[in-house]
Amino acid sequence: MLRQKRKSDLPSKPCATCGRPFTWRKKWERDWENVRHCSERCRRSRGTASPDPASPVKR
């Protein structure tokens, strides 16, 4: 029987807009190399903000 992967075992990468790390999703399976943004909101606002690793992450 197949065992499920833990979320911690999945690949992750930083968002190109906000800089937050995001993990692999099943819907991105075929296109993971080209996925650059963690959400639609970040994808839409990609030109207005630049990731700044020195600033704290707002939540």
N, C-alpha and C. Protein backbone atom coordinates (compact mmCIF):
# COMPACT_ATOMS: atom_id res chain seq x y z
N MET A 1 0.84 -1.18 0.00
CA MET A 1 0.00 0.00 0.00
C MET A 1 0.89 1.25 0.00
N LEU A 2 0.49 2.25 -0.74
CA LEU A 2 1.26 3.48 -0.85
C LEU A 2 1.13 4.32 0.42
N ARG A 3 2.23 4.91 0.81
CA ARG A 3 2.21 5.80 1.97
C ARG A 3 2.15 7.24 1.48
N GLN A 4 1.41 8.05 2.19
CA GLN A 4 1.31 9.45 1.82
C GLN A 4 2.58 10.20 2.23
N LYS A 5 2.91 11.20 1.45
CA LYS A 5 4.06 12.04 1.78
C LYS A 5 3.64 13.06 2.83
N ARG A 6 4.55 13.36 3.71
CA ARG A 6 4.31 14.43 4.67
C ARG A 6 4.54 15.76 3.99
N LYS A 7 3.87 16.78 4.47
CA LYS A 7 4.03 18.11 3.88
C LYS A 7 5.48 18.58 3.99
N SER A 8 6.15 18.19 5.05
CA SER A 8 7.55 18.59 5.22
C SER A 8 8.48 17.92 4.21
N ASP A 9 8.03 16.83 3.57
CA ASP A 9 8.83 16.14 2.57
C ASP A 9 8.68 16.72 1.17
N LEU A 10 7.70 17.60 0.97
CA LEU A 10 7.45 18.18 -0.35
C LEU A 10 8.44 19.31 -0.62
N PRO A 11 8.76 19.55 -1.89
CA PRO A 11 9.69 20.64 -2.22
C PRO A 11 9.04 22.01 -1.98
N SER A 12 9.85 23.00 -1.71
CA SER A 12 9.35 24.35 -1.53
C SER A 12 10.32 25.34 -2.18
N LYS A 13 9.84 26.56 -2.40
CA LYS A 13 10.67 27.63 -2.94
C LYS A 13 10.07 28.96 -2.55
N PRO A 14 10.85 30.05 -2.60
CA PRO A 14 10.33 31.36 -2.19
C PRO A 14 9.49 32.00 -3.29
N CYS A 15 8.48 32.75 -2.88
CA CYS A 15 7.62 33.48 -3.82
C CYS A 15 8.43 34.64 -4.41
N ALA A 16 8.28 34.88 -5.71
CA ALA A 16 9.01 35.95 -6.38
C ALA A 16 8.51 37.34 -5.99
N THR A 17 7.29 37.44 -5.45
CA THR A 17 6.74 38.73 -5.07
C THR A 17 6.93 39.05 -3.60
N CYS A 18 6.46 38.15 -2.72
CA CYS A 18 6.50 38.45 -1.28
C CYS A 18 7.68 37.82 -0.56
N GLY A 19 8.34 36.84 -1.18
CA GLY A 19 9.50 36.22 -0.57
C GLY A 19 9.19 35.09 0.40
N ARG A 20 7.94 34.84 0.68
CA ARG A 20 7.56 33.75 1.59
C ARG A 20 7.78 32.40 0.92
N PRO A 21 8.17 31.41 1.69
CA PRO A 21 8.29 30.07 1.11
C PRO A 21 6.92 29.44 0.88
N PHE A 22 6.76 28.72 -0.21
CA PHE A 22 5.52 27.98 -0.46
C PHE A 22 5.88 26.59 -0.94
N THR A 23 5.02 25.64 -0.66
CA THR A 23 5.31 24.24 -0.96
C THR A 23 4.57 23.78 -2.21
N TRP A 24 5.05 22.69 -2.74
CA TRP A 24 4.51 22.04 -3.92
C TRP A 24 3.05 21.68 -3.72
N ARG A 25 2.24 21.84 -4.76
CA ARG A 25 0.84 21.43 -4.75
C ARG A 25 0.58 20.51 -5.92
N LYS A 26 -0.38 19.64 -5.74
CA LYS A 26 -0.72 18.65 -6.78
C LYS A 26 -1.07 19.34 -8.10
N LYS A 27 -1.80 20.47 -8.04
CA LYS A 27 -2.20 21.15 -9.28
C LYS A 27 -1.02 21.74 -10.04
N TRP A 28 0.13 21.90 -9.37
CA TRP A 28 1.34 22.42 -10.01
C TRP A 28 2.27 21.30 -10.45
N GLU A 29 1.83 20.07 -10.38
CA GLU A 29 2.67 18.90 -10.62
C GLU A 29 3.43 18.98 -11.95
N ARG A 30 2.74 19.32 -13.02
CA ARG A 30 3.37 19.33 -14.35
C ARG A 30 4.16 20.60 -14.63
N ASP A 31 3.93 21.65 -13.85
CA ASP A 31 4.51 22.95 -14.16
C ASP A 31 5.29 23.54 -12.99
N TRP A 32 5.76 22.73 -12.06
CA TRP A 32 6.42 23.22 -10.84
C TRP A 32 7.63 24.10 -11.14
N GLU A 33 8.38 23.80 -12.18
CA GLU A 33 9.57 24.59 -12.49
C GLU A 33 9.20 26.03 -12.87
N ASN A 34 8.02 26.24 -13.44
CA ASN A 34 7.61 27.57 -13.90
C ASN A 34 6.78 28.34 -12.88
N VAL A 35 6.37 27.71 -11.80
CA VAL A 35 5.57 28.39 -10.77
C VAL A 35 6.50 29.32 -9.99
N ARG A 36 6.12 30.61 -9.92
CA ARG A 36 6.98 31.60 -9.26
C ARG A 36 6.29 32.31 -8.11
N HIS A 37 4.96 32.26 -8.05
CA HIS A 37 4.22 33.02 -7.05
C HIS A 37 3.39 32.08 -6.18
N CYS A 38 3.24 32.45 -4.90
CA CYS A 38 2.55 31.60 -3.95
C CYS A 38 1.03 31.67 -4.07
N SER A 39 0.51 32.74 -4.67
CA SER A 39 -0.94 32.90 -4.76
C SER A 39 -1.30 33.79 -5.95
N GLU A 40 -2.59 33.82 -6.25
CA GLU A 40 -3.08 34.71 -7.31
C GLU A 40 -2.84 36.17 -6.94
N ARG A 41 -3.00 36.48 -5.68
CA ARG A 41 -2.78 37.86 -5.22
C ARG A 41 -1.35 38.32 -5.49
N CYS A 42 -0.39 37.47 -5.20
CA CYS A 42 1.02 37.81 -5.48
C CYS A 42 1.28 37.88 -6.98
N ARG A 43 0.67 36.99 -7.73
CA ARG A 43 0.88 37.00 -9.18
C ARG A 43 0.35 38.29 -9.79
N ARG A 44 -0.82 38.76 -9.31
CA ARG A 44 -1.40 39.99 -9.83
C ARG A 44 -0.60 41.22 -9.45
N SER A 45 0.00 41.22 -8.27
CA SER A 45 0.71 42.40 -7.79
C SER A 45 2.22 42.28 -7.99
N ARG A 46 2.65 41.44 -8.90
CA ARG A 46 4.08 41.16 -9.06
C ARG A 46 4.92 42.37 -9.40
N GLY A 47 4.39 43.37 -10.06
CA GLY A 47 5.19 44.53 -10.44
C GLY A 47 5.22 45.62 -9.39
N THR A 48 4.37 45.56 -8.37
CA THR A 48 4.29 46.66 -7.42
C THR A 48 5.19 46.50 -6.21
N ALA A 49 5.54 45.29 -5.84
CA ALA A 49 6.37 45.08 -4.64
C ALA A 49 7.57 44.22 -4.98
N SER A 50 8.65 44.44 -4.25
CA SER A 50 9.82 43.60 -4.44
C SER A 50 10.15 42.93 -3.11
N PRO A 51 10.56 41.67 -3.13
CA PRO A 51 10.85 41.01 -1.87
C PRO A 51 12.08 41.61 -1.19
N ASP A 52 11.95 41.88 0.09
CA ASP A 52 13.03 42.46 0.86
C ASP A 52 13.28 41.54 2.04
N PRO A 53 14.34 40.73 1.98
CA PRO A 53 14.58 39.75 3.05
C PRO A 53 14.83 40.39 4.41
N ALA A 54 15.20 41.66 4.47
CA ALA A 54 15.50 42.32 5.74
C ALA A 54 14.22 42.75 6.47
N SER A 55 13.12 42.92 5.73
CA SER A 55 11.90 43.37 6.38
C SER A 55 11.12 42.19 6.94
N PRO A 56 10.42 42.40 8.06
CA PRO A 56 9.63 41.31 8.64
C PRO A 56 8.43 40.96 7.78
N VAL A 57 8.02 39.71 7.85
CA VAL A 57 6.88 39.24 7.07
C VAL A 57 5.61 39.69 7.76
N LYS A 58 4.74 40.37 7.01
CA LYS A 58 3.45 40.83 7.57
C LYS A 58 2.44 39.71 7.45
N ARG A 59 1.63 39.55 8.46
CA ARG A 59 0.58 38.52 8.43
C ARG A 59 -0.74 39.09 8.80
